[in-house]
N, C-alpha and C. Protein backbone atom coordinates (compact mmCIF):
# COMPACT_ATOMS: atom_id res chain seq x y z
N MET A 1 -6.96 33.97 -0.04
CA MET A 1 -7.56 32.87 0.66
C MET A 1 -7.73 31.69 -0.32
N ARG A 2 -7.16 30.56 0.08
CA ARG A 2 -7.23 29.36 -0.78
C ARG A 2 -8.53 28.67 -0.56
N GLN A 3 -9.16 28.23 -1.65
CA GLN A 3 -10.45 27.47 -1.55
C GLN A 3 -10.24 26.06 -2.07
N ASN A 4 -10.96 25.18 -1.46
CA ASN A 4 -10.92 23.78 -1.96
C ASN A 4 -11.78 23.69 -3.22
N ILE A 5 -11.25 23.02 -4.24
CA ILE A 5 -11.99 22.87 -5.47
C ILE A 5 -12.46 21.45 -5.52
N SER A 6 -13.71 21.25 -5.88
CA SER A 6 -14.28 19.95 -5.98
C SER A 6 -13.39 19.05 -6.90
N SER A 7 -13.10 17.86 -6.45
CA SER A 7 -12.23 16.98 -7.27
C SER A 7 -12.87 16.66 -8.61
N GLN A 8 -14.23 16.53 -8.63
CA GLN A 8 -14.90 16.24 -9.88
C GLN A 8 -14.72 17.40 -10.87
N MET A 9 -14.80 18.61 -10.41
CA MET A 9 -14.66 19.76 -11.27
C MET A 9 -13.22 19.82 -11.79
N LEU A 10 -12.28 19.59 -10.87
CA LEU A 10 -10.88 19.69 -11.20
C LEU A 10 -10.41 18.60 -12.17
N LYS A 11 -10.97 17.38 -12.03
CA LYS A 11 -10.64 16.31 -12.96
C LYS A 11 -10.88 16.66 -14.39
N GLY A 12 -11.95 17.37 -14.61
CA GLY A 12 -12.31 17.77 -15.98
C GLY A 12 -11.37 18.77 -16.60
N ILE A 13 -10.63 19.50 -15.81
CA ILE A 13 -9.75 20.54 -16.41
C ILE A 13 -8.27 20.23 -16.21
N LEU A 14 -7.93 19.28 -15.38
CA LEU A 14 -6.48 19.03 -15.08
C LEU A 14 -5.70 18.59 -16.32
N GLN A 15 -6.28 17.82 -17.17
CA GLN A 15 -5.59 17.42 -18.40
C GLN A 15 -5.24 18.68 -19.23
N GLY A 16 -6.17 19.58 -19.37
CA GLY A 16 -5.91 20.84 -20.10
C GLY A 16 -4.82 21.64 -19.48
N ILE A 17 -4.87 21.71 -18.15
CA ILE A 17 -3.83 22.45 -17.42
C ILE A 17 -2.47 21.86 -17.69
N MET A 18 -2.36 20.55 -17.58
CA MET A 18 -1.09 19.86 -17.77
C MET A 18 -0.59 20.03 -19.20
N LEU A 19 -1.49 19.98 -20.18
CA LEU A 19 -1.07 20.23 -21.55
C LEU A 19 -0.52 21.62 -21.75
N MET A 20 -1.14 22.58 -21.14
CA MET A 20 -0.67 23.94 -21.24
C MET A 20 0.72 24.11 -20.63
N ILE A 21 0.90 23.48 -19.48
CA ILE A 21 2.19 23.53 -18.76
C ILE A 21 3.26 22.87 -19.63
N LEU A 22 2.99 21.68 -20.17
CA LEU A 22 3.97 20.94 -20.95
C LEU A 22 4.21 21.59 -22.29
N ALA A 23 3.27 22.35 -22.83
CA ALA A 23 3.48 23.02 -24.11
C ALA A 23 4.55 24.14 -23.94
N LYS A 24 4.67 24.67 -22.76
CA LYS A 24 5.71 25.69 -22.52
C LYS A 24 7.09 25.08 -22.48
N ARG A 25 7.24 23.93 -21.90
CA ARG A 25 8.50 23.18 -21.85
C ARG A 25 8.24 21.79 -21.26
N PRO A 26 8.94 20.80 -21.82
CA PRO A 26 8.80 19.46 -21.28
C PRO A 26 9.24 19.42 -19.80
N ASP A 27 8.60 18.54 -19.06
CA ASP A 27 8.94 18.40 -17.65
C ASP A 27 8.62 17.01 -17.17
N TYR A 28 9.06 16.68 -15.99
CA TYR A 28 8.80 15.38 -15.40
C TYR A 28 7.68 15.50 -14.35
N GLY A 29 7.18 14.38 -13.84
CA GLY A 29 6.03 14.41 -12.94
C GLY A 29 6.11 15.40 -11.78
N TYR A 30 7.17 15.31 -11.00
CA TYR A 30 7.31 16.19 -9.81
C TYR A 30 7.43 17.66 -10.29
N GLY A 31 8.12 17.91 -11.39
CA GLY A 31 8.27 19.28 -11.92
C GLY A 31 6.92 19.81 -12.30
N ILE A 32 6.09 18.98 -12.95
CA ILE A 32 4.71 19.42 -13.32
C ILE A 32 3.92 19.76 -12.06
N SER A 33 4.06 18.88 -11.09
CA SER A 33 3.37 19.13 -9.82
C SER A 33 3.74 20.46 -9.20
N LYS A 34 5.02 20.76 -9.21
CA LYS A 34 5.52 22.04 -8.65
C LYS A 34 4.94 23.23 -9.43
N GLN A 35 4.90 23.11 -10.77
CA GLN A 35 4.34 24.15 -11.59
C GLN A 35 2.85 24.35 -11.32
N ILE A 36 2.13 23.28 -11.16
CA ILE A 36 0.70 23.37 -10.82
C ILE A 36 0.53 24.10 -9.51
N ASN A 37 1.39 23.77 -8.54
CA ASN A 37 1.37 24.46 -7.25
C ASN A 37 1.57 25.96 -7.35
N GLU A 38 2.51 26.35 -8.27
CA GLU A 38 2.79 27.77 -8.50
C GLU A 38 1.62 28.55 -9.01
N TYR A 39 0.67 27.88 -9.65
CA TYR A 39 -0.54 28.51 -10.11
C TYR A 39 -1.65 28.52 -9.08
N GLY A 40 -1.34 28.06 -7.86
CA GLY A 40 -2.30 28.17 -6.76
C GLY A 40 -3.12 26.89 -6.60
N LEU A 41 -2.77 25.81 -7.22
CA LEU A 41 -3.54 24.60 -7.13
C LEU A 41 -2.73 23.58 -6.29
N GLU A 42 -2.44 23.97 -5.05
CA GLU A 42 -1.62 23.15 -4.17
C GLU A 42 -2.34 21.92 -3.68
N ASP A 43 -3.60 21.90 -3.70
CA ASP A 43 -4.41 20.80 -3.13
C ASP A 43 -4.54 19.57 -4.00
N ILE A 44 -3.95 19.60 -5.19
CA ILE A 44 -4.09 18.46 -6.07
C ILE A 44 -3.22 17.33 -5.59
N PRO A 45 -3.80 16.18 -5.30
CA PRO A 45 -2.96 15.06 -4.79
C PRO A 45 -1.93 14.66 -5.79
N LYS A 46 -0.70 14.36 -5.33
CA LYS A 46 0.36 13.98 -6.27
C LYS A 46 -0.03 12.66 -6.93
N GLY A 47 -0.83 11.83 -6.26
CA GLY A 47 -1.25 10.55 -6.85
C GLY A 47 -2.22 10.72 -8.05
N THR A 48 -2.68 11.92 -8.27
CA THR A 48 -3.56 12.19 -9.36
C THR A 48 -2.81 12.46 -10.67
N ILE A 49 -1.66 13.01 -10.48
CA ILE A 49 -0.87 13.51 -11.67
C ILE A 49 -0.30 12.31 -12.47
N TYR A 50 0.31 11.39 -11.77
CA TYR A 50 0.94 10.28 -12.50
C TYR A 50 -0.01 9.36 -13.26
N PRO A 51 -1.16 9.03 -12.71
CA PRO A 51 -2.11 8.23 -13.57
C PRO A 51 -2.61 9.02 -14.74
N LEU A 52 -2.79 10.34 -14.55
CA LEU A 52 -3.26 11.16 -15.67
C LEU A 52 -2.17 11.25 -16.78
N LEU A 53 -0.92 11.35 -16.38
CA LEU A 53 0.20 11.37 -17.34
C LEU A 53 0.21 10.08 -18.15
N THR A 54 0.02 8.97 -17.44
CA THR A 54 -0.04 7.63 -18.08
C THR A 54 -1.17 7.56 -19.12
N ALA A 55 -2.35 8.03 -18.69
CA ALA A 55 -3.53 8.01 -19.58
C ALA A 55 -3.30 8.93 -20.77
N MET A 56 -2.76 10.11 -20.56
CA MET A 56 -2.50 11.03 -21.65
C MET A 56 -1.45 10.45 -22.64
N GLU A 57 -0.45 9.74 -22.09
CA GLU A 57 0.54 9.12 -22.95
C GLU A 57 -0.12 8.01 -23.76
N ARG A 58 -0.95 7.23 -23.11
CA ARG A 58 -1.65 6.13 -23.81
C ARG A 58 -2.55 6.68 -24.96
N ARG A 59 -3.15 7.83 -24.70
CA ARG A 59 -4.00 8.44 -25.78
C ARG A 59 -3.20 9.18 -26.82
N GLY A 60 -1.90 9.25 -26.70
CA GLY A 60 -1.04 9.90 -27.69
C GLY A 60 -0.96 11.43 -27.58
N LEU A 61 -1.38 11.98 -26.44
CA LEU A 61 -1.36 13.42 -26.27
C LEU A 61 0.01 13.90 -25.85
N ILE A 62 0.76 13.04 -25.21
CA ILE A 62 2.13 13.33 -24.79
C ILE A 62 3.00 12.06 -24.98
N VAL A 63 4.29 12.26 -25.02
CA VAL A 63 5.18 11.15 -25.10
C VAL A 63 6.27 11.34 -24.01
N GLY A 64 6.55 10.23 -23.32
CA GLY A 64 7.56 10.29 -22.25
C GLY A 64 8.90 9.76 -22.67
N LYS A 65 9.95 10.44 -22.33
CA LYS A 65 11.28 9.99 -22.66
C LYS A 65 12.19 10.12 -21.42
N MET A 66 12.90 9.00 -21.16
CA MET A 66 13.82 9.01 -20.04
C MET A 66 15.08 9.87 -20.37
N GLU A 67 15.42 10.74 -19.42
CA GLU A 67 16.57 11.62 -19.62
C GLU A 67 17.39 11.60 -18.39
N VAL A 68 18.71 11.80 -18.58
CA VAL A 68 19.66 11.78 -17.48
C VAL A 68 19.45 13.07 -16.67
N SER A 69 19.51 12.88 -15.35
CA SER A 69 19.36 14.00 -14.40
C SER A 69 20.64 14.19 -13.62
N VAL A 70 21.13 15.42 -13.55
CA VAL A 70 22.32 15.69 -12.75
C VAL A 70 21.98 15.70 -11.27
N ASP A 71 20.68 15.78 -10.92
CA ASP A 71 20.23 15.88 -9.54
C ASP A 71 19.85 14.52 -8.91
N GLY A 72 20.06 13.41 -9.64
CA GLY A 72 19.68 12.14 -9.12
C GLY A 72 19.42 11.14 -10.20
N PRO A 73 18.45 10.23 -9.97
CA PRO A 73 18.16 9.24 -11.00
C PRO A 73 17.59 9.80 -12.26
N ASP A 74 17.64 9.05 -13.36
CA ASP A 74 17.08 9.48 -14.62
C ASP A 74 15.59 9.83 -14.39
N ARG A 75 15.07 10.74 -15.18
CA ARG A 75 13.67 11.17 -15.03
C ARG A 75 12.95 11.00 -16.39
N LYS A 76 11.67 10.72 -16.26
CA LYS A 76 10.88 10.62 -17.49
C LYS A 76 10.25 11.99 -17.78
N TYR A 77 10.71 12.62 -18.83
CA TYR A 77 10.21 13.90 -19.24
C TYR A 77 9.09 13.72 -20.27
N TYR A 78 8.08 14.53 -20.18
CA TYR A 78 6.95 14.44 -21.05
C TYR A 78 6.91 15.60 -22.04
N PHE A 79 6.62 15.24 -23.31
CA PHE A 79 6.58 16.17 -24.43
C PHE A 79 5.22 16.14 -25.06
N VAL A 80 4.64 17.28 -25.39
CA VAL A 80 3.37 17.33 -26.06
C VAL A 80 3.51 16.91 -27.53
N THR A 81 2.63 16.06 -27.95
CA THR A 81 2.58 15.62 -29.39
C THR A 81 1.70 16.57 -30.17
N SER A 82 1.62 16.37 -31.47
CA SER A 82 0.70 17.20 -32.28
C SER A 82 -0.74 16.97 -31.88
N GLU A 83 -1.07 15.72 -31.48
CA GLU A 83 -2.42 15.41 -31.03
C GLU A 83 -2.65 16.16 -29.69
N GLY A 84 -1.65 16.20 -28.86
CA GLY A 84 -1.75 16.92 -27.56
C GLY A 84 -1.87 18.43 -27.77
N GLU A 85 -1.19 18.97 -28.75
CA GLU A 85 -1.33 20.43 -29.05
C GLU A 85 -2.74 20.71 -29.52
N GLN A 86 -3.33 19.84 -30.35
CA GLN A 86 -4.70 20.04 -30.80
C GLN A 86 -5.66 19.91 -29.59
N ALA A 87 -5.42 18.96 -28.68
CA ALA A 87 -6.29 18.82 -27.52
C ALA A 87 -6.17 20.04 -26.64
N LYS A 88 -4.95 20.62 -26.53
CA LYS A 88 -4.74 21.88 -25.75
C LYS A 88 -5.54 23.00 -26.36
N GLN A 89 -5.48 23.14 -27.67
CA GLN A 89 -6.25 24.18 -28.34
C GLN A 89 -7.74 24.02 -28.16
N ASN A 90 -8.22 22.77 -28.29
CA ASN A 90 -9.61 22.50 -28.03
C ASN A 90 -10.01 22.84 -26.64
N PHE A 91 -9.19 22.46 -25.65
CA PHE A 91 -9.43 22.76 -24.29
C PHE A 91 -9.58 24.28 -24.04
N MET A 92 -8.65 25.02 -24.64
CA MET A 92 -8.67 26.47 -24.42
C MET A 92 -9.92 27.10 -25.01
N GLN A 93 -10.32 26.65 -26.19
CA GLN A 93 -11.57 27.14 -26.81
C GLN A 93 -12.78 26.83 -25.95
N GLU A 94 -12.88 25.58 -25.47
CA GLU A 94 -13.96 25.16 -24.60
C GLU A 94 -13.95 25.95 -23.29
N TRP A 95 -12.75 26.16 -22.72
CA TRP A 95 -12.66 26.89 -21.50
C TRP A 95 -13.16 28.31 -21.64
N HIS A 96 -12.77 28.99 -22.74
CA HIS A 96 -13.23 30.36 -22.98
C HIS A 96 -14.74 30.46 -23.08
N PHE A 97 -15.33 29.49 -23.77
CA PHE A 97 -16.79 29.46 -23.94
C PHE A 97 -17.44 29.22 -22.58
N LEU A 98 -16.97 28.20 -21.83
CA LEU A 98 -17.54 27.89 -20.52
C LEU A 98 -17.35 29.03 -19.55
N LYS A 99 -16.19 29.62 -19.52
CA LYS A 99 -15.88 30.74 -18.62
C LYS A 99 -16.84 31.88 -18.86
N HIS A 100 -17.03 32.21 -20.09
CA HIS A 100 -17.95 33.29 -20.42
C HIS A 100 -19.41 33.00 -20.00
N ALA A 101 -19.84 31.78 -20.21
CA ALA A 101 -21.24 31.39 -19.85
C ALA A 101 -21.36 31.38 -18.31
N VAL A 102 -20.42 30.82 -17.64
CA VAL A 102 -20.52 30.74 -16.16
C VAL A 102 -20.35 32.15 -15.51
N ASP A 103 -19.43 32.95 -16.03
CA ASP A 103 -19.28 34.31 -15.50
C ASP A 103 -20.65 35.08 -15.67
N LYS A 104 -21.28 34.91 -16.81
CA LYS A 104 -22.58 35.58 -17.04
C LYS A 104 -23.62 35.11 -16.02
N LEU A 105 -23.68 33.80 -15.80
CA LEU A 105 -24.63 33.27 -14.82
C LEU A 105 -24.32 33.74 -13.35
N VAL A 106 -23.05 33.76 -13.03
CA VAL A 106 -22.65 34.21 -11.68
C VAL A 106 -23.03 35.69 -11.50
N GLU A 107 -22.76 36.51 -12.50
CA GLU A 107 -23.11 37.94 -12.41
C GLU A 107 -24.63 38.10 -12.23
N GLU A 108 -25.40 37.36 -13.02
CA GLU A 108 -26.88 37.46 -12.90
C GLU A 108 -27.31 36.98 -11.48
N ASN A 109 -26.71 35.90 -10.99
CA ASN A 109 -27.03 35.41 -9.64
C ASN A 109 -26.71 36.46 -8.59
N ASN A 110 -25.56 37.07 -8.70
CA ASN A 110 -25.15 38.09 -7.73
C ASN A 110 -26.10 39.29 -7.78
N GLN A 111 -26.57 39.67 -9.00
CA GLN A 111 -27.51 40.78 -9.11
C GLN A 111 -28.83 40.40 -8.45
N ASP A 112 -29.30 39.16 -8.67
CA ASP A 112 -30.56 38.71 -8.07
C ASP A 112 -30.46 38.74 -6.54
N GLU A 113 -29.37 38.31 -6.00
CA GLU A 113 -29.16 38.26 -4.57
C GLU A 113 -29.10 39.69 -3.95
N ASN A 114 -28.61 40.65 -4.71
CA ASN A 114 -28.47 42.03 -4.23
C ASN A 114 -29.74 42.84 -4.34
N GLN A 115 -30.79 42.25 -4.94
CA GLN A 115 -32.01 43.03 -5.08
C GLN A 115 -32.92 42.86 -3.88
């Protein structure tokens, strides 16, 4: 069952998600969107991805390069920079910390409700 995720919550993690996707292989905006969908995040508006890519590029986390496409017009592919790799590592560390803390609170809450 698919659940709607609060846009505020998602905004905070979408950059990390995109860095992890692009660290596997460079991709273009629509390709990134398709990959995000494959991980079950179909409800992310496409209009969210492109402004975030622009902001990430401006901050030096990724670099965009136009490349020839056999399927149509040239596409702007995004590559993770060394700063982006560091941001990805920081995100993963923060995510593990937050996941552990929230999982613990959820378990305690569930136990309290079951008593």
